[in-house]
C-alpha atoms as a PDB file:
ATOM      1  CA  MET A   1      -0.148  -0.033  -0.051  1.00  0.00           C
ATOM      2  CA  ARG A   2       2.578   2.274   1.369  1.00  0.00           C
ATOM      3  CA  LYS A   3       4.635   1.755  -2.220  1.00  0.00           C
ATOM      4  CA  THR A   4       1.892   2.065  -4.235  1.00  0.00           C
ATOM      5  CA  LEU A   5       0.900   6.093  -2.484  1.00  0.00           C
ATOM      6  CA  LEU A   6       4.472   6.719  -3.325  1.00  0.00           C
ATOM      7  CA  LEU A   7       4.499   5.525  -7.026  1.00  0.00           C
ATOM      8  CA  ALA A   8       1.080   7.751  -7.020  1.00  0.00           C
ATOM      9  CA  LEU A   9       3.010  10.234  -6.053  1.00  0.00           C
ATOM     10  CA  VAL A  10       5.865  10.310  -8.271  1.00  0.00           C
ATOM     11  CA  SER A  11       4.166   9.954 -11.470  1.00  0.00           C
ATOM     12  CA  PHE A  12       1.983  12.556 -10.337  1.00  0.00           C
ATOM     13  CA  SER A  13       4.190  15.002 -11.158  1.00  0.00           C
ATOM     14  CA  PHE A  14       4.373  14.322 -14.521  1.00  0.00           C
ATOM     15  CA  LEU A  15       0.226  15.046 -14.908  1.00  0.00           C
ATOM     16  CA  VAL A  16       0.707  18.524 -13.234  1.00  0.00           C
ATOM     17  CA  ALA A  17       3.624  19.591 -15.017  1.00  0.00           C
ATOM     18  CA  PRO A  18       2.330  22.716 -17.208  1.00  0.00           C
ATOM     19  CA  SER A  19       3.926  23.878 -20.235  1.00  0.00           C
ATOM     20  CA  SER A  20       7.300  24.671 -20.435  1.00  0.00           C
ATOM     21  CA  ALA A  21       7.250  28.587 -20.883  1.00  0.00           C
ATOM     22  CA  ARG A  22       4.861  28.649 -17.826  1.00  0.00           C
ATOM     23  CA  ALA A  23       8.003  27.131 -15.713  1.00  0.00           C
ATOM     24  CA  GLN A  24      10.766  29.319 -17.220  1.00  0.00           C
ATOM     25  CA  GLY A  25       8.471  32.008 -16.685  1.00  0.00           C
ATOM     26  CA  ALA A  26       8.698  31.367 -12.379  1.00  0.00           C
ATOM     27  CA  ALA A  27      12.595  30.629 -12.938  1.00  0.00           C
ATOM     28  CA  SER A  28      15.532  32.988 -12.277  1.00  0.00           C
ATOM     29  CA  ASP A  29      18.064  33.213 -13.587  1.00  0.00           C
ATOM     30  CA  SER A  30      20.536  33.782 -11.102  1.00  0.00           C
ATOM     31  CA  TRP A  31      21.762  30.662  -8.224  1.00  0.00           C
ATOM     32  CA  LYS A  32      20.049  30.833  -5.163  1.00  0.00           C
ATOM     33  CA  ILE A  33      20.985  28.345  -2.651  1.00  0.00           C
ATOM     34  CA  THR A  34      19.807  27.027   0.490  1.00  0.00           C
ATOM     35  CA  VAL A  35      21.353  25.158   3.271  1.00  0.00           C
ATOM     36  CA  ALA A  36      19.614  23.666   5.887  1.00  0.00           C
ATOM     37  CA  PRO A  37      20.857  22.009   8.553  1.00  0.00           C
ATOM     38  CA  TYR A  38      17.673  19.724  11.177  1.00  0.00           C
ATOM     39  CA  VAL A  39      17.881  17.645  13.699  1.00  0.00           C
ATOM     40  CA  PHE A  40      15.770  14.046  13.623  1.00  0.00           C
ATOM     41  CA  GLY A  41      14.355  12.519  16.510  1.00  0.00           C
ATOM     42  CA  SER A  42      14.143   8.683  15.199  1.00  0.00           C
ATOM     43  CA  GLY A  43      12.600   5.523  15.791  1.00  0.00           C
ATOM     44  CA  MET A  44      12.278   2.313  14.054  1.00  0.00           C
ATOM     45  CA  THR A  45      10.166  -0.556  13.039  1.00  0.00           C
ATOM     46  CA  GLY A  46      10.881  -3.268  11.308  1.00  0.00           C
ATOM     47  CA  THR A  47      13.285  -6.711  11.008  1.00  0.00           C
ATOM     48  CA  THR A  48      17.375  -7.369  11.055  1.00  0.00           C
ATOM     49  CA  ALA A  49      19.250  -9.670  10.884  1.00  0.00           C
ATOM     50  CA  ILE A  50      23.942 -10.290  11.187  1.00  0.00           C
ATOM     51  CA  ALA A  51      25.373 -13.500  10.869  1.00  0.00           C
ATOM     52  CA  GLY A  52      21.908 -15.108  10.203  1.00  0.00           C
ATOM     53  CA  GLN A  53      20.657 -13.997  13.489  1.00  0.00           C
ATOM     54  CA  GLU A  54      17.754 -12.204  12.692  1.00  0.00           C
ATOM     55  CA  LEU A  55      15.342  -9.768  15.218  1.00  0.00           C
ATOM     56  CA  ASP A  56      11.901  -8.036  15.246  1.00  0.00           C
ATOM     57  CA  VAL A  57      12.432  -4.476  16.612  1.00  0.00           C
ATOM     58  CA  ASP A  58       9.151  -1.854  17.200  1.00  0.00           C
ATOM     59  CA  MET A  59       9.583   1.580  18.084  1.00  0.00           C
ATOM     60  CA  SER A  60       7.191   3.657  18.189  1.00  0.00           C
ATOM     61  CA  PHE A  61       5.899   7.348  18.921  1.00  0.00           C
ATOM     62  CA  GLY A  62       6.450   7.048  22.410  1.00  0.00           C
ATOM     63  CA  ASP A  63       8.901   5.248  22.177  1.00  0.00           C
ATOM     64  CA  ILE A  64      10.245   7.773  20.554  1.00  0.00           C
ATOM     65  CA  LEU A  65      10.034  10.504  23.340  1.00  0.00           C
ATOM     66  CA  SER A  66      11.010   7.864  26.381  1.00  0.00           C
ATOM     67  CA  ASN A  67      14.011   6.965  24.677  1.00  0.00           C
ATOM     68  CA  LEU A  68      15.295   9.257  22.175  1.00  0.00           C
ATOM     69  CA  GLN A  69      18.086   9.324  19.880  1.00  0.00           C
ATOM     70  CA  PHE A  70      18.564  11.548  17.967  1.00  0.00           C
ATOM     71  CA  GLY A  71      20.253  11.866  14.515  1.00  0.00           C
ATOM     72  CA  ALA A  72      21.797  14.544  12.622  1.00  0.00           C
ATOM     73  CA  MET A  73      20.840  15.738   8.674  1.00  0.00           C
ATOM     74  CA  GLY A  74      21.790  18.837   6.748  1.00  0.00           C
ATOM     75  CA  LEU A  75      20.604  19.446   3.179  1.00  0.00           C
ATOM     76  CA  VAL A  76      21.708  22.084   0.598  1.00  0.00           C
ATOM     77  CA  VAL A  77      19.925  22.476  -2.629  1.00  0.00           C
ATOM     78  CA  ALA A  78      21.527  25.519  -5.717  1.00  0.00           C
ATOM     79  CA  ARG A  79      19.386  26.878  -8.500  1.00  0.00           C
ATOM     80  CA  LYS A  80      19.770  28.291 -11.293  1.00  0.00           C
ATOM     81  CA  GLY A  81      16.228  28.873 -14.012  1.00  0.00           C
ATOM     82  CA  ASN A  82      14.559  25.533 -14.135  1.00  0.00           C
ATOM     83  CA  TRP A  83      17.181  23.641 -13.620  1.00  0.00           C
ATOM     84  CA  GLY A  84      19.343  22.928  -9.763  1.00  0.00           C
ATOM     85  CA  ILE A  85      21.906  20.584  -7.477  1.00  0.00           C
ATOM     86  CA  GLY A  86      21.130  19.089  -4.050  1.00  0.00           C
ATOM     87  CA  GLY A  87      22.675  17.278  -1.404  1.00  0.00           C
ATOM     88  CA  ASP A  88      21.571  15.840   1.912  1.00  0.00           C
ATOM     89  CA  ALA A  89      23.365  13.827   4.550  1.00  0.00           C
ATOM     90  CA  ILE A  90      21.699  12.157   6.782  1.00  0.00           C
ATOM     91  CA  TRP A  91      23.350  10.661  10.066  1.00  0.00           C
ATOM     92  CA  MET A  92      21.161   8.412  12.652  1.00  0.00           C
ATOM     93  CA  SER A  93      21.935   6.691  15.864  1.00  0.00           C
ATOM     94  CA  LEU A  94      19.374   4.381  15.694  1.00  0.00           C
ATOM     95  CA  GLY A  95      18.032   2.149  18.546  1.00  0.00           C
ATOM     96  CA  ALA A  96      15.545  -0.403  20.316  1.00  0.00           C
ATOM     97  CA  ASN A  97      14.507  -3.725  21.871  1.00  0.00           C
ATOM     98  CA  ALA A  98      13.864  -6.395  19.470  1.00  0.00           C
ATOM     99  CA  THR A  99      12.463  -9.793  19.577  1.00  0.00           C
ATOM    100  CA  ALA A 100      12.883 -12.749  17.309  1.00  0.00           C
ATOM    101  CA  PRO A 101      10.786 -13.783  15.211  1.00  0.00           C
ATOM    102  CA  GLY A 102       8.038 -17.101  15.841  1.00  0.00           C
ATOM    103  CA  PRO A 103       6.996 -19.074  18.548  1.00  0.00           C
ATOM    104  CA  VAL A 104      10.545 -18.883  20.560  1.00  0.00           C
ATOM    105  CA  GLY A 105      10.827 -15.370  21.940  1.00  0.00           C
ATOM    106  CA  VAL A 106      14.326 -14.614  22.160  1.00  0.00           C
ATOM    107  CA  THR A 107      14.654 -11.258  23.647  1.00  0.00           C
ATOM    108  CA  GLY A 108      17.547  -8.726  22.991  1.00  0.00           C
ATOM    109  CA  SER A 109      18.395  -5.526  21.716  1.00  0.00           C
ATOM    110  CA  VAL A 110      19.589  -3.589  18.502  1.00  0.00           C
ATOM    111  CA  ASP A 111      22.057  -0.658  18.221  1.00  0.00           C
ATOM    112  CA  PHE A 112      22.110   0.706  14.315  1.00  0.00           C
ATOM    113  CA  ASN A 113      24.058   3.532  13.213  1.00  0.00           C
ATOM    114  CA  GLU A 114      22.939   4.263   9.906  1.00  0.00           C
ATOM    115  CA  GLY A 115      24.188   7.006   7.334  1.00  0.00           C
ATOM    116  CA  ALA A 116      22.243   8.069   4.145  1.00  0.00           C
ATOM    117  CA  PHE A 117      24.111  10.506   1.739  1.00  0.00           C
ATOM    118  CA  SER A 118      22.078  11.869  -1.093  1.00  0.00           C
ATOM    119  CA  PHE A 119      23.089  13.828  -4.683  1.00  0.00           C
ATOM    120  CA  TYR A 120      20.178  14.680  -6.917  1.00  0.00           C
ATOM    121  CA  GLY A 121      19.812  17.167  -9.553  1.00  0.00           C
ATOM    122  CA  LEU A 122      15.930  19.045  -9.733  1.00  0.00           C
ATOM    123  CA  ARG A 123      13.948  19.872 -12.860  1.00  0.00           C
ATOM    124  CA  ARG A 124      11.432  22.608 -12.372  1.00  0.00           C
ATOM    125  CA  LEU A 125       8.076  21.403 -13.552  1.00  0.00           C
ATOM    126  CA  ASN A 126       6.095  24.321 -12.711  1.00  0.00           C
ATOM    127  CA  PRO A 127       5.508  26.836  -9.861  1.00  0.00           C
ATOM    128  CA  ILE A 128       4.910  23.919  -7.380  1.00  0.00           C
ATOM    129  CA  ALA A 129       6.516  20.902  -8.550  1.00  0.00           C
ATOM    130  CA  ASP A 130      10.308  19.023  -9.283  1.00  0.00           C
ATOM    131  CA  LEU A 131      11.421  16.343 -10.256  1.00  0.00           C
ATOM    132  CA  THR A 132      14.257  14.773  -8.199  1.00  0.00           C
ATOM    133  CA  PHE A 133      16.473  12.469  -9.480  1.00  0.00           C
ATOM    134  CA  GLY A 134      19.872  10.886  -8.415  1.00  0.00           C
ATOM    135  CA  GLY A 135      21.669   8.685  -6.078  1.00  0.00           C
ATOM    136  CA  ARG A 136      22.011   7.679  -2.217  1.00  0.00           C
ATOM    137  CA  ILE A 137      25.023   6.184  -0.434  1.00  0.00           C
ATOM    138  CA  ASP A 138      23.723   3.834   3.042  1.00  0.00           C
ATOM    139  CA  THR A 139      26.053   2.847   5.337  1.00  0.00           C
ATOM    140  CA  LEU A 140      25.225   0.766   8.136  1.00  0.00           C
ATOM    141  CA  GLN A 141      27.649   0.202  11.493  1.00  0.00           C
ATOM    142  CA  GLY A 142      24.971  -2.129  13.297  1.00  0.00           C
ATOM    143  CA  THR A 143      24.834  -4.365  16.709  1.00  0.00           C
ATOM    144  CA  LEU A 144      22.789  -6.910  17.878  1.00  0.00           C
ATOM    145  CA  ARG A 145      22.483  -8.193  21.338  1.00  0.00           C
ATOM    146  CA  ILE A 146      21.385 -11.524  22.150  1.00  0.00           C
ATOM    147  CA  ASN A 147      19.658 -12.038  26.004  1.00  0.00           C
ATOM    148  CA  GLY A 148      19.426 -15.617  27.377  1.00  0.00           C
ATOM    149  CA  LEU A 149      20.991 -18.571  28.320  1.00  0.00           C
ATOM    150  CA  ASN A 150      23.535 -18.066  25.404  1.00  0.00           C
ATOM    151  CA  GLN A 151      24.674 -13.901  25.337  1.00  0.00           C
ATOM    152  CA  ARG A 152      25.872 -13.056  22.778  1.00  0.00           C
ATOM    153  CA  THR A 153      26.967  -9.900  20.873  1.00  0.00           C
ATOM    154  CA  ILE A 154      27.129  -9.896  16.856  1.00  0.00           C
ATOM    155  CA  ASP A 155      28.369  -6.601  15.108  1.00  0.00           C
ATOM    156  CA  GLY A 156      28.079  -6.407  11.044  1.00  0.00           C
ATOM    157  CA  SER A 157      28.675  -3.322   8.442  1.00  0.00           C
ATOM    158  CA  LYS A 158      27.337  -3.002   4.744  1.00  0.00           C
ATOM    159  CA  THR A 159      27.681   0.201   2.563  1.00  0.00           C
ATOM    160  CA  TRP A 160      25.684   0.121  -1.149  1.00  0.00           C
ATOM    161  CA  PHE A 161      24.507   2.564  -3.607  1.00  0.00           C
ATOM    162  CA  ASP A 162      20.883   2.884  -4.670  1.00  0.00           C
ATOM    163  CA  PRO A 163      19.295   5.092  -7.628  1.00  0.00           C
ATOM    164  CA  VAL A 164      16.202   7.494  -6.299  1.00  0.00           C
ATOM    165  CA  VAL A 165      13.901   9.169  -7.956  1.00  0.00           C
ATOM    166  CA  GLY A 166      11.060  11.482  -6.637  1.00  0.00           C
ATOM    167  CA  VAL A 167       8.616  14.623  -7.014  1.00  0.00           C
ATOM    168  CA  MET A 168       9.257  17.896  -4.500  1.00  0.00           C
ATOM    169  CA  LEU A 169       5.751  19.245  -4.046  1.00  0.00           C
ATOM    170  CA  HIS A 170       5.517  22.825  -2.604  1.00  0.00           C
ATOM    171  CA  THR A 171       3.792  25.977  -2.240  1.00  0.00           C
ATOM    172  CA  PRO A 172       4.232  28.804  -4.748  1.00  0.00           C
ATOM    173  CA  ALA A 173       7.171  31.197  -3.601  1.00  0.00           C
ATOM    174  CA  GLY A 174       5.871  34.468  -1.596  1.00  0.00           C
ATOM    175  CA  GLY A 175       2.647  35.884  -0.570  1.00  0.00           C
ATOM    176  CA  SER A 176       2.763  34.529   2.767  1.00  0.00           C
ATOM    177  CA  ARG A 177       5.178  33.738   5.877  1.00  0.00           C
ATOM    178  CA  TRP A 178       3.785  30.367   5.745  1.00  0.00           C
ATOM    179  CA  HIS A 179       5.034  27.738   3.821  1.00  0.00           C
ATOM    180  CA  ALA A 180       4.384  23.828   2.957  1.00  0.00           C
ATOM    181  CA  GLN A 181       6.492  21.082   1.301  1.00  0.00           C
ATOM    182  CA  VAL A 182       6.259  17.548   0.695  1.00  0.00           C
ATOM    183  CA  LEU A 183       9.000  14.863  -0.913  1.00  0.00           C
ATOM    184  CA  ALA A 184       8.234  11.908  -2.654  1.00  0.00           C
ATOM    185  CA  GLU A 185      10.742   9.536  -3.648  1.00  0.00           C
ATOM    186  CA  ILE A 186      11.491   5.507  -4.593  1.00  0.00           C
ATOM    187  CA  GLY A 187      14.758   3.855  -5.301  1.00  0.00           C
ATOM    188  CA  GLY A 188      17.355   0.786  -5.065  1.00  0.00           C
ATOM    189  CA  PHE A 189      15.370  -0.848  -7.572  1.00  0.00           C
ATOM    190  CA  GLY A 190      17.496  -4.349  -7.257  1.00  0.00           C
ATOM    191  CA  VAL A 191      20.942  -2.099  -7.640  1.00  0.00           C
ATOM    192  CA  GLY A 192      21.126  -1.955  -4.014  1.00  0.00           C
ATOM    193  CA  SER A 193      18.027  -2.399  -1.600  1.00  0.00           C
ATOM    194  CA  THR A 194      15.747  -4.487  -3.155  1.00  0.00           C
ATOM    195  CA  PHE A 195      13.661  -0.989  -2.835  1.00  0.00           C
ATOM    196  CA  THR A 196      13.558   2.153  -0.488  1.00  0.00           C
ATOM    197  CA  TRP A 197      11.001   4.964  -0.266  1.00  0.00           C
ATOM    198  CA  GLN A 198      11.012   8.036   1.468  1.00  0.00           C
ATOM    199  CA  LEU A 199       8.160  10.541   2.366  1.00  0.00           C
ATOM    200  CA  PHE A 200       9.430  14.181   4.052  1.00  0.00           C
ATOM    201  CA  PRO A 201       6.657  16.370   4.210  1.00  0.00           C
ATOM    202  CA  THR A 202       7.578  19.910   5.841  1.00  0.00           C
ATOM    203  CA  VAL A 203       5.768  23.348   7.383  1.00  0.00           C
ATOM    204  CA  GLY A 204       7.977  26.576   7.894  1.00  0.00           C
ATOM    205  CA  VAL A 205       7.692  30.177   8.679  1.00  0.00           C
ATOM    206  CA  ASP A 206       9.867  32.749   7.464  1.00  0.00           C
ATOM    207  CA  LEU A 207      12.406  34.331  10.130  1.00  0.00           C
ATOM    208  CA  SER A 208      13.492  36.983   8.099  1.00  0.00           C
ATOM    209  CA  LYS A 209      14.083  37.152   3.974  1.00  0.00           C
ATOM    210  CA  ARG A 210      16.890  34.697   4.466  1.00  0.00           C
ATOM    211  CA  SER A 211      15.364  32.341   7.573  1.00  0.00           C
ATOM    212  CA  SER A 212      13.459  30.564   8.447  1.00  0.00           C
ATOM    213  CA  LEU A 213      12.141  27.844  11.358  1.00  0.00           C
ATOM    214  CA  GLU A 214      10.897  24.457   9.439  1.00  0.00           C
ATOM    215  CA  PHE A 215       9.225  21.605  11.133  1.00  0.00           C
ATOM    216  CA  GLY A 216       8.617  18.122   9.676  1.00  0.00           C
ATOM    217  CA  TYR A 217       8.350  14.417   9.646  1.00  0.00           C
ATOM    218  CA  ARG A 218      10.475  12.053   8.558  1.00  0.00           C
ATOM    219  CA  LEU A 219       9.911   8.348   7.031  1.00  0.00           C
ATOM    220  CA  LEU A 220      12.446   6.759   5.117  1.00  0.00           C
ATOM    221  CA  ASP A 221      12.174   2.983   4.393  1.00  0.00           C
ATOM    222  CA  ILE A 222      15.355   0.888   3.452  1.00  0.00           C
ATOM    223  CA  ASP A 223      15.395  -2.988   2.568  1.00  0.00           C
ATOM    224  CA  TYR A 224      18.246  -4.382   2.071  1.00  0.00           C
ATOM    225  CA  SER A 225      19.551  -7.720   2.136  1.00  0.00           C
ATOM    226  CA  SER A 226      22.578  -9.752   1.373  1.00  0.00           C
ATOM    227  CA  GLY A 227      24.231 -13.571   1.215  1.00  0.00           C
ATOM    228  CA  GLU A 228      22.235 -16.383   3.015  1.00  0.00           C
ATOM    229  CA  GLY A 229      22.311 -18.891   6.353  1.00  0.00           C
ATOM    230  CA  LEU A 230      25.006 -17.446   8.843  1.00  0.00           C
ATOM    231  CA  THR A 231      26.338 -14.667   5.899  1.00  0.00           C
ATOM    232  CA  LEU A 232      22.810 -13.131   5.908  1.00  0.00           C
ATOM    233  CA  PHE A 233      22.785  -9.147   6.390  1.00  0.00           C
ATOM    234  CA  LYS A 234      18.915  -7.851   6.372  1.00  0.00           C
ATOM    235  CA  TYR A 235      17.579  -4.298   7.318  1.00  0.00           C
ATOM    236  CA  ASP A 236      14.215  -3.909   6.208  1.00  0.00           C
ATOM    237  CA  VAL A 237      13.316  -1.071   8.963  1.00  0.00           C
ATOM    238  CA  LEU A 238      11.379   2.211   8.327  1.00  0.00           C
ATOM    239  CA  ALA A 239      13.100   4.673  10.216  1.00  0.00           C
ATOM    240  CA  HIS A 240      10.550   7.297  11.448  1.00  0.00           C
ATOM    241  CA  GLY A 241      10.057  10.713  13.622  1.00  0.00           C
ATOM    242  CA  PRO A 242       9.848  14.379  13.785  1.00  0.00           C
ATOM    243  CA  VAL A 243      12.071  16.844  12.283  1.00  0.00           C
ATOM    244  CA  VAL A 244      13.064  20.998  13.484  1.00  0.00           C
ATOM    245  CA  GLY A 245      15.338  23.061  11.939  1.00  0.00           C
ATOM    246  CA  PHE A 246      16.515  26.066   9.964  1.00  0.00           C
ATOM    247  CA  ALA A 247      16.376  27.158   6.483  1.00  0.00           C
ATOM    248  CA  PHE A 248      19.144  29.872   5.308  1.00  0.00           C
ATOM    249  CA  LYS A 249      18.758  31.224   1.776  1.00  0.00           C
ATOM    250  CA  PHE A 250      21.560  32.475   0.032  1.00  0.00           C
END
């Protein structure tokens, strides 16, 4: 269901595109740069496996407040005319209690340091929509701690590349101190992850002509696996949580 919704949002970007002349009229011929540092309070839900040991994890929004682990995020976008380039760096330290799938009910905990470093191009479709395309380098450093009679700790790490494509919908520039934006993105396609998607809505208020305060909620789902049996490494996890930060325009 979530994959279908995101595919529909990406496809919608082509349907709302007006004539290129109208889009050209809304664009500027000078470079406009936005730098946006964020703080990301993230929880996670899904399944992980390191060295063949698989655990289910579930950290709800309420758990985020009581067991908060922060991540840092920074975004840079440069635009000129109808085109632009951007980069997005995320580093998250995620942790949760976990149980092994099946009737045994082995408990433990999982900690992941997750980095996602994106680079992409932008193509303005109209005053409220941009097409995004590029790639993301994902890196994971995971630790599973298994409780019970045979307590043990298992470490593992993986790095891979995911192609991504998406659409960015936003309110028209100017006219109000308030603005909103939503990024919908899909990728992986078996190149790195089997499938990955992201949904990132934000609302902001201008503090001045060159700065704004931003609030949002980010959902980043990654379904990646490699190996099998005792070499299985798996990360099928939805990371989600509130975002707050500032945006600076130059």
